PDB file of N, CA and C in Angstrom:
ATOM      1  N   MET A   1       1.020  -1.314  -0.007  1.00  0.00           N
ATOM      2  CA  MET A   1       0.046   0.085  -0.073  1.00  0.00           C
ATOM      3  C   MET A   1       1.037   1.314  -0.133  1.00  0.00           C
ATOM      4  N   ASN A   2       0.467   2.090  -0.699  1.00  0.00           N
ATOM      5  CA  ASN A   2       1.516   3.476  -0.885  1.00  0.00           C
ATOM      6  C   ASN A   2       0.756   4.571  -0.203  1.00  0.00           C
ATOM      7  N   THR A   3       1.557   4.891   0.904  1.00  0.00           N
ATOM      8  CA  THR A   3       0.997   5.790   1.811  1.00  0.00           C
ATOM      9  C   THR A   3       1.924   7.240   1.673  1.00  0.00           C
ATOM     10  N   LYS A   4       2.619   7.311   0.771  1.00  0.00           N
ATOM     11  CA  LYS A   4       3.706   8.305   0.834  1.00  0.00           C
ATOM     12  C   LYS A   4       3.098   9.896   0.613  1.00  0.00           C
ATOM     13  N   ASN A   5       1.901   9.822   0.175  1.00  0.00           N
ATOM     14  CA  ASN A   5       1.113  11.098   0.229  1.00  0.00           C
ATOM     15  C   ASN A   5       0.539  11.673   1.692  1.00  0.00           C
ATOM     16  N   VAL A   6       0.396  10.785   2.599  1.00  0.00           N
ATOM     17  CA  VAL A   6      -0.293  11.050   3.548  1.00  0.00           C
ATOM     18  C   VAL A   6       1.039  11.360   4.743  1.00  0.00           C
ATOM     19  N   THR A   7       0.664  12.530   4.993  1.00  0.00           N
ATOM     20  CA  THR A   7       1.686  13.172   6.081  1.00  0.00           C
ATOM     21  C   THR A   7       1.668  12.854   7.183  1.00  0.00           C
ATOM     22  N   ASP A   8       0.634  12.999   7.781  1.00  0.00           N
ATOM     23  CA  ASP A   8       0.373  12.611   9.578  1.00  0.00           C
ATOM     24  C   ASP A   8       0.629  11.075   9.511  1.00  0.00           C
ATOM     25  N   THR A   9       1.413  10.912  10.805  1.00  0.00           N
ATOM     26  CA  THR A   9       2.174   9.433  10.877  1.00  0.00           C
ATOM     27  C   THR A   9       0.803   8.792  11.469  1.00  0.00           C
ATOM     28  N   ASP A  10      -0.139   9.284  12.486  1.00  0.00           N
ATOM     29  CA  ASP A  10      -0.829   8.227  13.075  1.00  0.00           C
ATOM     30  C   ASP A  10      -2.093   8.034  11.894  1.00  0.00           C
ATOM     31  N   GLU A  11      -2.307   8.772  10.838  1.00  0.00           N
ATOM     32  CA  GLU A  11      -3.364   8.643   9.804  1.00  0.00           C
ATOM     33  C   GLU A  11      -2.700   7.471   8.912  1.00  0.00           C
ATOM     34  N   ARG A  12      -1.492   7.703   8.700  1.00  0.00           N
ATOM     35  CA  ARG A  12      -0.521   6.602   8.011  1.00  0.00           C
ATOM     36  C   ARG A  12      -0.655   5.210   8.524  1.00  0.00           C
ATOM     37  N   LYS A  13      -0.576   5.154   9.807  1.00  0.00           N
ATOM     38  CA  LYS A  13      -0.385   3.913  10.433  1.00  0.00           C
ATOM     39  C   LYS A  13      -2.078   3.311  10.441  1.00  0.00           C
ATOM     40  N   LYS A  14      -3.136   4.111  10.452  1.00  0.00           N
ATOM     41  CA  LYS A  14      -4.256   3.774  10.598  1.00  0.00           C
ATOM     42  C   LYS A  14      -4.769   2.966   9.240  1.00  0.00           C
ATOM     43  N   LEU A  15      -4.234   3.802   8.248  1.00  0.00           N
ATOM     44  CA  LEU A  15      -4.538   3.238   6.862  1.00  0.00           C
ATOM     45  C   LEU A  15      -3.937   1.866   6.490  1.00  0.00           C
ATOM     46  N   LYS A  16      -2.386   1.489   6.939  1.00  0.00           N
ATOM     47  CA  LYS A  16      -1.905   0.775   6.907  1.00  0.00           C
ATOM     48  C   LYS A  16      -2.355  -0.564   7.713  1.00  0.00           C
ATOM     49  N   ARG A  17      -2.633  -0.434   8.688  1.00  0.00           N
ATOM     50  CA  ARG A  17      -3.552  -1.415   9.510  1.00  0.00           C
ATOM     51  C   ARG A  17      -4.542  -2.031   9.140  1.00  0.00           C
ATOM     52  N   ALA A  18      -5.234  -0.987   8.434  1.00  0.00           N
ATOM     53  CA  ALA A  18      -6.801  -1.381   7.832  1.00  0.00           C
ATOM     54  C   ALA A  18      -6.444  -2.064   6.489  1.00  0.00           C
ATOM     55  N   ALA A  19      -5.359  -1.662   5.615  1.00  0.00           N
ATOM     56  CA  ALA A  19      -5.003  -2.616   4.700  1.00  0.00           C
ATOM     57  C   ALA A  19      -4.428  -3.991   4.858  1.00  0.00           C
ATOM     58  N   ARG A  20      -3.741  -4.033   6.037  1.00  0.00           N
ATOM     59  CA  ARG A  20      -3.253  -5.303   6.606  1.00  0.00           C
ATOM     60  C   ARG A  20      -4.445  -6.147   6.867  1.00  0.00           C
ATOM     61  N   LYS A  21      -5.489  -5.657   7.603  1.00  0.00           N
ATOM     62  CA  LYS A  21      -6.604  -6.352   8.065  1.00  0.00           C
ATOM     63  C   LYS A  21      -7.145  -7.152   6.831  1.00  0.00           C
ATOM     64  N   LYS A  22      -7.327  -6.271   5.787  1.00  0.00           N
ATOM     65  CA  LYS A  22      -8.387  -6.450   4.675  1.00  0.00           C
ATOM     66  C   LYS A  22      -7.426  -7.684   3.645  1.00  0.00           C
ATOM     67  N   CYS A  23      -6.080  -7.610   3.694  1.00  0.00           N
ATOM     68  CA  CYS A  23      -5.283  -8.656   2.512  1.00  0.00           C
ATOM     69  C   CYS A  23      -5.730  -9.939   3.158  1.00  0.00           C
ATOM     70  N   ALA A  24      -5.755 -11.005   2.528  1.00  0.00           N
ATOM     71  CA  ALA A  24      -5.573 -12.222   2.709  1.00  0.00           C
ATOM     72  C   ALA A  24      -4.505 -12.899   3.691  1.00  0.00           C
ATOM     73  N   PRO A  25      -4.655 -13.834   4.343  1.00  0.00           N
ATOM     74  CA  PRO A  25      -3.912 -14.212   5.468  1.00  0.00           C
ATOM     75  C   PRO A  25      -2.645 -14.884   4.601  1.00  0.00           C
ATOM     76  N   LYS A  26      -1.457 -14.898   5.116  1.00  0.00           N
ATOM     77  CA  LYS A  26      -0.229 -15.490   4.648  1.00  0.00           C
ATOM     78  C   LYS A  26      -0.159 -16.969   4.636  1.00  0.00           C
ATOM     79  N   ALA A  27       0.221 -17.930   3.787  1.00  0.00           N
ATOM     80  CA  ALA A  27       0.202 -19.222   3.822  1.00  0.00           C
ATOM     81  C   ALA A  27       1.343 -19.522   4.899  1.00  0.00           C
ATOM     82  N   LYS A  28       0.815 -20.652   5.591  1.00  0.00           N
ATOM     83  CA  LYS A  28       1.615 -21.179   6.532  1.00  0.00           C
ATOM     84  C   LYS A  28       3.117 -21.799   5.599  1.00  0.00           C
ATOM     85  N   ARG A  29       4.253 -21.458   6.373  1.00  0.00           N
ATOM     86  CA  ARG A  29       5.578 -21.960   5.776  1.00  0.00           C
ATOM     87  C   ARG A  29       5.455 -23.422   5.677  1.00  0.00           C
ATOM     88  N   ALA A  30       5.834 -24.071   4.533  1.00  0.00           N
ATOM     89  CA  ALA A  30       5.964 -25.713   4.207  1.00  0.00           C
ATOM     90  C   ALA A  30       7.040 -26.261   5.293  1.00  0.00           C
ATOM     91  N   SER A  31       6.437 -27.253   5.751  1.00  0.00           N
ATOM     92  CA  SER A  31       7.220 -28.017   6.636  1.00  0.00           C
ATOM     93  C   SER A  31       8.944 -28.367   6.186  1.00  0.00           C
ATOM     94  N   GLY A  32       9.119 -28.667   5.166  1.00  0.00           N
ATOM     95  CA  GLY A  32      10.519 -28.912   4.575  1.00  0.00           C
ATOM     96  C   GLY A  32      11.498 -27.644   4.551  1.00  0.00           C
ATOM     97  N   VAL A  33      10.693 -26.269   4.783  1.00  0.00           N
ATOM     98  CA  VAL A  33      11.326 -25.195   4.434  1.00  0.00           C
ATOM     99  C   VAL A  33      12.250 -24.723   5.911  1.00  0.00           C
ATOM    100  N   ALA A  34      13.363 -24.606   5.880  1.00  0.00           N
ATOM    101  CA  ALA A  34      14.239 -23.931   6.998  1.00  0.00           C
ATOM    102  C   ALA A  34      14.012 -22.719   7.032  1.00  0.00           C
ATOM    103  N   ARG A  35      13.925 -22.134   8.380  1.00  0.00           N
ATOM    104  CA  ARG A  35      13.914 -20.901   8.629  1.00  0.00           C
ATOM    105  C   ARG A  35      15.330 -20.155   8.565  1.00  0.00           C
ATOM    106  N   GLY A  36      15.483 -18.910   8.728  1.00  0.00           N
ATOM    107  CA  GLY A  36      16.859 -18.495   8.680  1.00  0.00           C
ATOM    108  C   GLY A  36      17.875 -19.171   9.797  1.00  0.00           C
ATOM    109  N   SER A  37      17.378 -18.932  10.842  1.00  0.00           N
ATOM    110  CA  SER A  37      18.356 -19.607  12.101  1.00  0.00           C
ATOM    111  C   SER A  37      18.579 -21.246  11.863  1.00  0.00           C
ATOM    112  N   MET A  38      17.659 -22.012  11.104  1.00  0.00           N
ATOM    113  CA  MET A  38      17.809 -23.353  11.136  1.00  0.00           C
ATOM    114  C   MET A  38      18.559 -23.819   9.760  1.00  0.00           C
ATOM    115  N   LYS A  39      18.890 -22.795   8.692  1.00  0.00           N
ATOM    116  CA  LYS A  39      19.578 -23.063   7.810  1.00  0.00           C
ATOM    117  C   LYS A  39      20.887 -23.434   7.961  1.00  0.00           C
ATOM    118  N   LYS A  40      21.401 -24.469   6.928  1.00  0.00           N
ATOM    119  CA  LYS A  40      22.996 -24.583   7.168  1.00  0.00           C
ATOM    120  C   LYS A  40      23.857 -23.540   6.878  1.00  0.00           C
ATOM    121  N   LYS A  41      24.867 -23.480   7.555  1.00  0.00           N
ATOM    122  CA  LYS A  41      25.762 -22.230   7.664  1.00  0.00           C
ATOM    123  C   LYS A  41      26.963 -22.670   6.503  1.00  0.00           C
ATOM    124  N   VAL A  42      27.171 -21.725   5.436  1.00  0.00           N
ATOM    125  CA  VAL A  42      28.376 -21.799   4.656  1.00  0.00           C
ATOM    126  C   VAL A  42      29.644 -21.506   5.513  1.00  0.00           C
ATOM    127  N   LYS A  43      30.464 -22.601   5.374  1.00  0.00           N
ATOM    128  CA  LYS A  43      31.711 -22.647   6.018  1.00  0.00           C
ATOM    129  C   LYS A  43      32.650 -21.615   5.388  1.00  0.00           C
ATOM    130  N   ILE A  44      33.354 -20.571   5.899  1.00  0.00           N
ATOM    131  CA  ILE A  44      33.944 -19.375   5.452  1.00  0.00           C
ATOM    132  C   ILE A  44      35.562 -19.890   5.503  1.00  0.00           C
ATOM    133  N   ILE A  45      35.999 -19.843   3.767  1.00  0.00           N
ATOM    134  CA  ILE A  45      37.226 -20.280   3.511  1.00  0.00           C
ATOM    135  C   ILE A  45      38.207 -19.368   4.132  1.00  0.00           C
ATOM    136  N   SER A  46      39.363 -19.640   4.472  1.00  0.00           N
ATOM    137  CA  SER A  46      40.242 -18.550   5.184  1.00  0.00           C
ATOM    138  C   SER A  46      40.683 -17.698   4.141  1.00  0.00           C
ATOM    139  N   LYS A  47      40.648 -16.200   4.439  1.00  0.00           N
ATOM    140  CA  LYS A  47      40.789 -15.401   3.813  1.00  0.00           C
ATOM    141  C   LYS A  47      42.180 -14.903   3.842  1.00  0.00           C
ATOM    142  N   GLY A  48      42.932 -13.994   2.640  1.00  0.00           N
ATOM    143  CA  GLY A  48      44.383 -13.705   2.871  1.00  0.00           C
ATOM    144  C   GLY A  48      45.235 -14.330   1.891  1.00  0.00           C
ATOM    145  N   GLN A  49      46.336 -14.824   2.038  1.00  0.00           N
ATOM    146  CA  GLN A  49      47.161 -15.395   1.177  1.00  0.00           C
ATOM    147  C   GLN A  49      46.674 -16.891   0.736  1.00  0.00           C
ATOM    148  N   ARG A  50      46.786 -16.705  -0.747  1.00  0.00           N
ATOM    149  CA  ARG A  50      46.458 -18.341  -1.045  1.00  0.00           C
ATOM    150  C   ARG A  50      47.370 -19.260  -0.488  1.00  0.00           C
ATOM    151  N   LYS A  51      46.576 -20.387  -0.730  1.00  0.00           N
ATOM    152  CA  LYS A  51      47.443 -21.436   0.102  1.00  0.00           C
ATOM    153  C   LYS A  51      48.437 -22.089  -0.906  1.00  0.00           C
ATOM    154  N   ARG A  52      48.226 -22.193  -2.159  1.00  0.00           N
ATOM    155  CA  ARG A  52      49.316 -22.845  -3.246  1.00  0.00           C
ATOM    156  C   ARG A  52      49.254 -21.697  -4.349  1.00  0.00           C
TER     157      ARG A  52
END
């Protein structure tokens, strides 16, 4: 929702909340999909001089 033309902060909040209530609820996350903290971390290779 574009509220750039609304200067009053409280009015903008009201509009955004109303729009959020109106829109369809988000689908639940699939069971196989990992959240950010659950994702496998990429091992960082040593930085600096090359090994060979």
